[in-house]
Protein backbone atom coordinates (compact mmCIF):
# COMPACT_ATOMS: atom_id res chain seq x y z
CA MET A 1 -12.60 2.32 9.11
CA THR A 2 -8.86 1.28 8.96
CA ARG A 3 -6.33 -0.15 10.81
CA ARG A 4 -3.60 2.67 11.05
CA SER A 5 -0.37 2.66 13.85
CA VAL A 6 -1.26 5.96 15.66
CA LEU A 7 1.87 8.15 17.20
CA VAL A 8 0.86 8.52 20.53
CA GLY A 9 4.11 9.60 22.44
CA THR A 10 7.39 10.99 21.37
CA GLY A 11 10.50 11.31 23.52
CA SER A 12 14.60 12.03 23.26
CA ALA A 13 17.87 11.65 24.85
CA LEU A 14 21.29 13.01 24.67
CA PRO A 15 24.57 12.72 26.34
CA VAL A 16 25.42 15.42 29.21
CA ARG A 17 28.27 16.66 27.26
CA ALA A 18 27.71 18.58 24.72
CA VAL A 19 30.98 19.73 22.24
CA SER A 20 30.95 22.86 19.97
CA ASN A 21 33.02 23.30 16.72
CA GLN A 22 35.86 25.47 18.91
CA GLU A 23 36.16 22.64 21.63
CA LEU A 24 36.68 20.17 18.65
CA SER A 25 39.34 22.52 16.77
CA GLU A 26 41.38 21.65 20.10
CA ARG A 27 41.30 18.21 19.14
CA VAL A 28 41.58 18.11 15.31
CA GLU A 29 43.15 20.01 12.93
CA THR A 30 39.37 22.30 11.85
CA SER A 31 38.06 25.44 12.57
CA ASP A 32 34.49 26.19 13.44
CA GLU A 33 34.19 28.39 9.95
CA TRP A 34 35.45 25.16 8.00
CA ILE A 35 32.15 22.74 9.59
CA VAL A 36 29.76 25.06 9.34
CA GLU A 37 30.33 26.28 5.90
CA ARG A 38 30.49 22.70 4.88
CA THR A 39 28.47 20.90 7.05
CA GLY A 40 25.31 23.87 9.05
CA ILE A 41 27.02 21.86 12.16
CA ARG A 42 27.78 24.01 15.14
CA SER A 43 28.24 21.43 18.41
CA ARG A 44 27.08 18.09 18.75
CA HIS A 45 26.81 16.12 22.32
CA LEU A 46 29.57 13.12 22.74
CA ALA A 47 28.64 9.96 24.88
CA GLY A 48 30.78 10.08 28.25
CA GLU A 49 31.59 7.91 31.27
CA GLY A 50 28.24 5.10 31.60
CA GLU A 51 26.44 6.72 28.67
CA THR A 52 25.52 3.83 25.63
CA THR A 53 23.42 2.88 22.89
CA ALA A 54 20.79 1.15 25.83
CA SER A 55 21.41 4.02 28.37
CA LEU A 56 19.99 6.48 25.83
CA ALA A 57 17.68 4.46 24.34
CA THR A 58 15.99 3.78 28.05
CA ASP A 59 16.05 7.53 28.71
CA ALA A 60 14.07 8.25 25.27
CA ALA A 61 11.92 5.45 25.94
CA ARG A 62 10.95 6.53 29.06
CA ALA A 63 10.22 10.05 27.83
CA ALA A 64 8.32 8.85 24.86
CA LEU A 65 6.43 6.84 27.07
CA ALA A 66 5.31 9.56 29.76
CA ALA A 67 4.88 11.55 26.54
CA ALA A 68 1.98 8.80 25.67
CA GLY A 69 0.33 8.54 29.74
CA LEU A 70 1.51 4.66 29.15
CA GLU A 71 3.41 2.39 31.48
CA PRO A 72 6.26 -0.61 30.33
CA LYS A 73 4.14 -2.83 31.12
CA ASP A 74 1.54 -1.34 28.39
CA ILE A 75 4.28 -2.07 25.32
CA GLY A 76 4.46 -4.90 23.49
CA LEU A 77 6.65 -4.48 20.93
CA ILE A 78 10.50 -2.61 21.25
CA ILE A 79 12.38 -1.70 17.65
CA LEU A 80 16.31 -0.24 18.33
CA ALA A 81 17.28 1.31 15.30
CA THR A 82 21.13 1.23 15.67
CA CYS A 83 24.70 0.49 13.92
CA THR A 84 26.54 1.13 17.43
CA PRO A 85 24.83 -1.51 20.01
CA ASP A 86 26.01 -2.25 23.39
CA GLN A 87 27.58 -5.35 22.55
CA THR A 88 27.51 -7.79 19.37
CA PHE A 89 24.63 -9.52 21.14
CA PRO A 90 22.26 -10.04 22.60
CA ALA A 91 20.10 -7.55 20.90
CA SER A 92 20.48 -4.03 22.55
CA ALA A 93 16.66 -4.01 22.18
CA THR A 94 16.24 -6.16 25.22
CA ILE A 95 18.60 -4.37 27.86
CA VAL A 96 15.97 -1.59 27.23
CA GLN A 97 13.49 -3.98 27.48
CA ASP A 98 15.40 -5.30 30.74
CA LYS A 99 16.00 -1.41 32.43
CA LEU A 100 12.18 -0.42 31.36
CA GLY A 101 11.13 -3.25 32.95
CA CYS A 102 8.46 -4.94 30.31
CA HIS A 103 9.56 -8.20 30.49
CA GLY A 104 7.78 -11.24 27.97
CA GLY A 105 7.14 -9.01 24.67
CA ILE A 106 9.25 -8.86 21.37
CA ALA A 107 12.15 -6.51 21.55
CA PHE A 108 14.89 -6.94 18.38
CA ASP A 109 17.17 -4.57 16.73
CA VAL A 110 17.44 -3.14 13.18
CA GLY A 111 20.87 -2.38 11.43
CA ALA A 112 20.32 -0.03 8.65
CA VAL A 113 22.46 2.99 9.77
CA CYS A 114 20.76 6.60 9.21
CA SER A 115 18.13 4.57 7.60
CA GLY A 116 17.59 2.23 10.65
CA PHE A 117 14.78 4.49 12.17
CA LEU A 118 12.31 4.17 8.72
CA TYR A 119 13.05 0.79 8.83
CA ALA A 120 12.14 0.25 12.08
CA VAL A 121 8.99 1.97 12.02
CA SER A 122 7.99 -0.05 9.08
CA VAL A 123 8.71 -2.89 10.48
CA ALA A 124 6.36 -1.89 13.56
CA ASP A 125 3.52 -0.53 11.75
CA ALA A 126 3.10 -3.89 9.84
CA MET A 127 3.25 -5.87 13.23
CA LEU A 128 0.69 -3.71 15.01
CA LYS A 129 -1.49 -4.01 11.64
CA THR A 130 -0.93 -7.82 12.49
CA GLY A 131 -2.07 -8.38 15.50
CA ALA A 132 1.52 -9.21 17.11
CA ALA A 133 1.59 -6.15 19.69
CA ASP A 134 -0.96 -3.67 20.49
CA ARG A 135 1.51 -0.72 21.13
CA ALA A 136 5.68 -0.21 20.63
CA LEU A 137 8.55 1.19 21.10
CA VAL A 138 10.83 2.27 18.20
CA ILE A 139 13.39 3.69 19.52
CA GLY A 140 16.85 5.21 17.07
CA ALA A 141 19.66 5.47 19.47
CA GLU A 142 23.68 5.70 18.19
CA THR A 143 27.32 6.32 20.14
CA MET A 144 28.45 7.42 16.94
CA SER A 145 31.95 8.50 18.58
CA ARG A 146 32.46 4.94 19.64
CA ILE A 147 33.36 4.20 15.64
CA LEU A 148 34.97 7.37 14.76
CA ASP A 149 38.34 7.78 13.43
CA TRP A 150 39.37 11.23 15.62
CA GLU A 151 42.74 11.44 13.21
CA ASP A 152 40.05 12.00 10.25
CA ARG A 153 38.70 15.15 10.51
CA THR A 154 36.63 14.46 7.15
CA THR A 155 34.08 12.35 9.10
CA CYS A 156 34.90 12.97 12.83
CA VAL A 157 33.75 16.47 12.58
CA LEU A 158 30.12 14.63 11.22
CA PHE A 159 28.78 12.63 13.84
CA GLY A 160 27.12 13.03 17.36
CA ASP A 161 25.52 10.90 19.70
CA GLY A 162 21.81 10.58 20.88
CA ALA A 163 18.53 8.54 20.93
CA GLY A 164 15.00 9.68 20.18
CA ALA A 165 11.84 7.48 20.86
CA ILE A 166 8.10 7.56 19.23
CA VAL A 167 5.76 5.31 20.82
CA LEU A 168 3.05 3.27 18.05
CA GLU A 169 -0.73 2.04 19.22
CA ALA A 170 -2.43 -0.17 16.94
CA ARG A 171 -6.20 1.47 16.59
CA ASP A 172 -9.18 2.18 13.59
CA VAL A 173 -9.55 5.25 12.50
CA ALA A 174 -11.38 7.54 9.73
CA ASP A 175 -9.64 7.27 6.67
CA ASP A 176 -9.20 11.04 7.02
CA GLY A 177 -7.35 9.91 10.51
CA PRO A 178 -4.57 9.87 12.15
CA GLY A 179 -1.26 7.27 11.45
CA ILE A 180 1.05 5.88 9.59
CA LEU A 181 -0.27 6.27 5.72
CA ALA A 182 2.57 4.61 3.28
CA SER A 183 6.37 3.54 3.92
CA LYS A 184 8.57 2.95 1.39
CA LEU A 185 12.70 1.13 1.70
CA HIS A 186 15.10 0.70 -0.87
CA ALA A 187 18.80 -0.76 -0.57
CA ASP A 188 21.60 -0.43 -2.74
CA GLY A 189 24.60 -2.82 -1.52
CA ALA A 190 26.77 -1.97 -4.44
CA HIS A 191 27.63 1.59 -3.17
CA ASN A 192 29.29 -0.60 0.06
CA GLU A 193 32.86 1.53 -0.29
CA LEU A 194 31.25 4.59 -0.11
CA LEU A 195 29.88 5.28 3.00
CA TYR A 196 31.07 2.23 5.98
CA VAL A 197 32.74 0.99 8.88
CA ASP A 198 36.08 -0.95 8.28
CA GLY A 199 35.61 -3.50 10.73
CA GLY A 200 33.54 -6.05 12.25
CA PRO A 201 32.83 -9.52 14.47
CA SER A 202 33.41 -11.61 11.32
CA SER A 203 36.04 -9.66 8.84
CA THR A 204 38.45 -8.17 11.06
CA GLY A 205 37.08 -9.12 14.75
CA THR A 206 37.38 -5.46 15.02
CA VAL A 207 34.66 -2.50 15.71
CA GLY A 208 36.07 -0.30 12.88
CA HIS A 209 35.91 2.86 12.21
CA ILE A 210 33.59 4.99 9.92
CA ARG A 211 35.26 5.39 5.80
CA MET A 212 33.07 7.90 3.74
CA LYS A 213 33.84 9.57 0.21
CA GLY A 214 31.38 12.41 1.08
CA ARG A 215 31.05 13.76 -2.57
CA GLU A 216 29.30 10.81 -3.94
CA VAL A 217 27.83 10.15 -0.75
CA PHE A 218 26.07 14.12 -1.39
CA ARG A 219 25.27 13.20 -4.81
CA HIS A 220 22.89 9.41 -3.92
CA ALA A 221 21.36 11.39 -1.23
CA VAL A 222 19.79 14.02 -3.21
CA VAL A 223 18.53 12.06 -5.54
CA ASN A 224 17.56 8.87 -3.74
CA LEU A 225 15.89 11.21 -1.45
CA ALA A 226 13.60 12.77 -3.89
CA GLU A 227 12.75 10.09 -5.49
CA VAL A 228 11.42 8.08 -2.45
CA LEU A 229 9.22 11.13 -1.20
CA GLY A 230 8.11 10.91 -4.55
CA GLU A 231 7.18 7.66 -4.30
CA VAL A 232 5.30 8.14 -1.08
CA LEU A 233 3.23 10.72 -2.20
CA GLY A 234 2.24 9.04 -5.46
CA ASP A 235 1.53 5.66 -2.92
CA THR A 236 -0.79 8.84 -1.04
CA GLY A 237 -2.64 10.63 -3.25
CA PHE A 238 -1.07 13.58 -1.89
CA THR A 239 1.57 16.65 -3.24
CA ALA A 240 4.31 18.26 -1.62
CA GLU A 241 2.36 21.13 -1.10
CA ASP A 242 -0.14 19.12 1.15
CA ILE A 243 3.22 18.17 3.44
CA ASP A 244 3.29 20.51 6.89
CA TRP A 245 6.72 19.12 8.00
CA VAL A 246 9.33 16.96 6.70
CA VAL A 247 11.23 15.81 8.75
CA PRO A 248 14.46 14.73 7.09
CA HIS A 249 17.84 12.74 8.59
CA GLN A 250 19.94 15.35 9.99
CA ALA A 251 23.15 14.19 7.73
CA ASN A 252 24.62 17.97 6.46
CA GLN A 253 22.81 20.71 6.00
CA ARG A 254 23.41 20.80 1.93
CA ILE A 255 21.79 17.99 1.38
CA LEU A 256 18.85 19.36 3.72
CA ASP A 257 18.27 22.41 1.03
CA ALA A 258 18.89 20.20 -2.06
CA THR A 259 16.19 18.09 -0.99
CA ALA A 260 14.12 20.55 -0.43
CA ARG A 261 14.59 22.81 -3.49
CA LYS A 262 14.55 19.21 -6.04
CA LEU A 263 10.93 18.84 -4.89
CA GLY A 264 9.87 22.30 -4.41
CA LEU A 265 9.47 22.60 -0.34
CA PRO A 266 10.15 25.99 1.47
CA PRO A 267 13.06 25.58 3.62
CA GLU A 268 10.64 26.71 6.63
CA LYS A 269 8.55 22.98 6.56
CA VAL A 270 11.75 20.94 7.24
CA VAL A 271 12.67 20.45 10.68
CA VAL A 272 16.24 21.02 11.38
CA THR A 273 18.39 20.25 13.99
CA VAL A 274 21.93 19.08 12.51
CA ASP A 275 23.34 22.73 13.80
CA ARG A 276 23.07 21.21 17.48
CA HIS A 277 23.17 17.62 17.26
CA ALA A 278 24.88 16.77 14.41
CA ASN A 279 24.80 13.54 12.24
CA THR A 280 22.82 10.69 15.07
CA SER A 281 22.58 8.15 12.43
CA ALA A 282 19.61 6.26 13.26
CA ALA A 283 18.47 8.33 16.12
CA SER A 284 18.42 11.61 14.37
CA VAL A 285 15.05 11.20 12.96
CA PRO A 286 12.90 11.03 16.03
CA LEU A 287 15.46 13.06 17.68
CA ALA A 288 14.03 16.11 15.30
CA LEU A 289 10.39 14.79 15.03
CA ASP A 290 10.41 15.20 19.26
CA ALA A 291 12.07 18.45 18.76
CA ALA A 292 9.27 19.70 16.79
CA ILE A 293 6.60 18.15 18.56
CA ARG A 294 7.56 20.09 22.20
CA ASP A 295 7.87 22.93 20.48
CA GLY A 296 5.00 23.06 19.22
CA ARG A 297 5.66 23.45 15.58
CA ILE A 298 4.26 20.07 14.61
CA LYS A 299 0.73 19.81 15.84
CA GLN A 300 -2.34 17.41 15.56
CA GLY A 301 -3.23 16.77 12.27
CA ASP A 302 -0.26 18.03 10.51
CA LEU A 303 0.81 15.54 7.60
CA VAL A 304 4.08 14.81 8.30
CA MET A 305 7.18 13.01 5.85
CA LEU A 306 9.83 11.12 7.89
CA GLU A 307 12.80 10.46 5.70
CA ALA A 308 16.31 9.20 5.56
CA MET A 309 19.48 7.58 3.43
CA GLY A 310 22.55 6.02 4.97
CA GLY A 311 25.12 3.52 4.48
CA GLY A 312 24.55 0.42 2.30
CA PHE A 313 22.87 2.18 0.58
CA THR A 314 19.65 2.40 2.36
CA TRP A 315 17.02 4.95 2.06
CA GLY A 316 13.44 5.76 3.18
CA ALA A 317 10.29 7.38 3.65
CA SER A 318 6.90 7.82 6.04
CA LEU A 319 4.22 9.70 5.91
CA LEU A 320 1.67 9.92 8.71
CA ARG A 321 -0.75 11.84 9.95
CA VAL A 322 0.02 12.93 13.21
């Protein structure tokens, strides 16, 4: 028997308003054809009045708890991955904790942009294994629309808002049983200027907007993601052929396709939601995971690889058996 963090529930939440490429083209100089050809995105959800990162995170958390058959009082740890918190402080995770009504446990945010959910999963896994809590809510939630420059068509068409959540429970399981098997995380601050926000409390006193050099980001993403997936497989002794599903960060259809080719993975093993969610940063992996579990693609016993890369650069992957 071995101590593992086992996935027991997933949930997600999207803003009410869905915005198609056609509707976006009425606001920005672009077209549906231009966006689809370059990104695979066809629509995205944008937060409206009263919808915030914390409110979406709370809705996703409630859905994950319901799927797990648990109550908020059963949760001792909440980790929220986000780069668009409701406030500079306190952590948005504490807002979620209060809204859920599970006071007194551990709650904090993790900031690693698009890789944030993978970072949060790894931290939660370590804390559960050491007994800091018995169960954890791990959430990725973003309102990226609030930091977009709507005059910059190269970035504003790429992003959307949303939240995804999972419940992890510490259990003693057989070696071939469920749970998180391995995780690998990386960062390289040398590439800050390729994908960043041009503001912050300490530097400009403003929120700022997303700035990105897309071509360079694409090149790094394909190389880094393929390498980190290989590292996780090497640590666990599995091969790419053993993986039932890959749930990647939903940044761009071209990145998804190129990464799959580099690893020799068939495209039908890759969960894709970028077409309807766009890039929701830290929310994209849990949103896609929840979608694939709820529609029946991912089943109990499946071997699932989660992976993401984002600004920083940060990148990582986790392998789990559902």
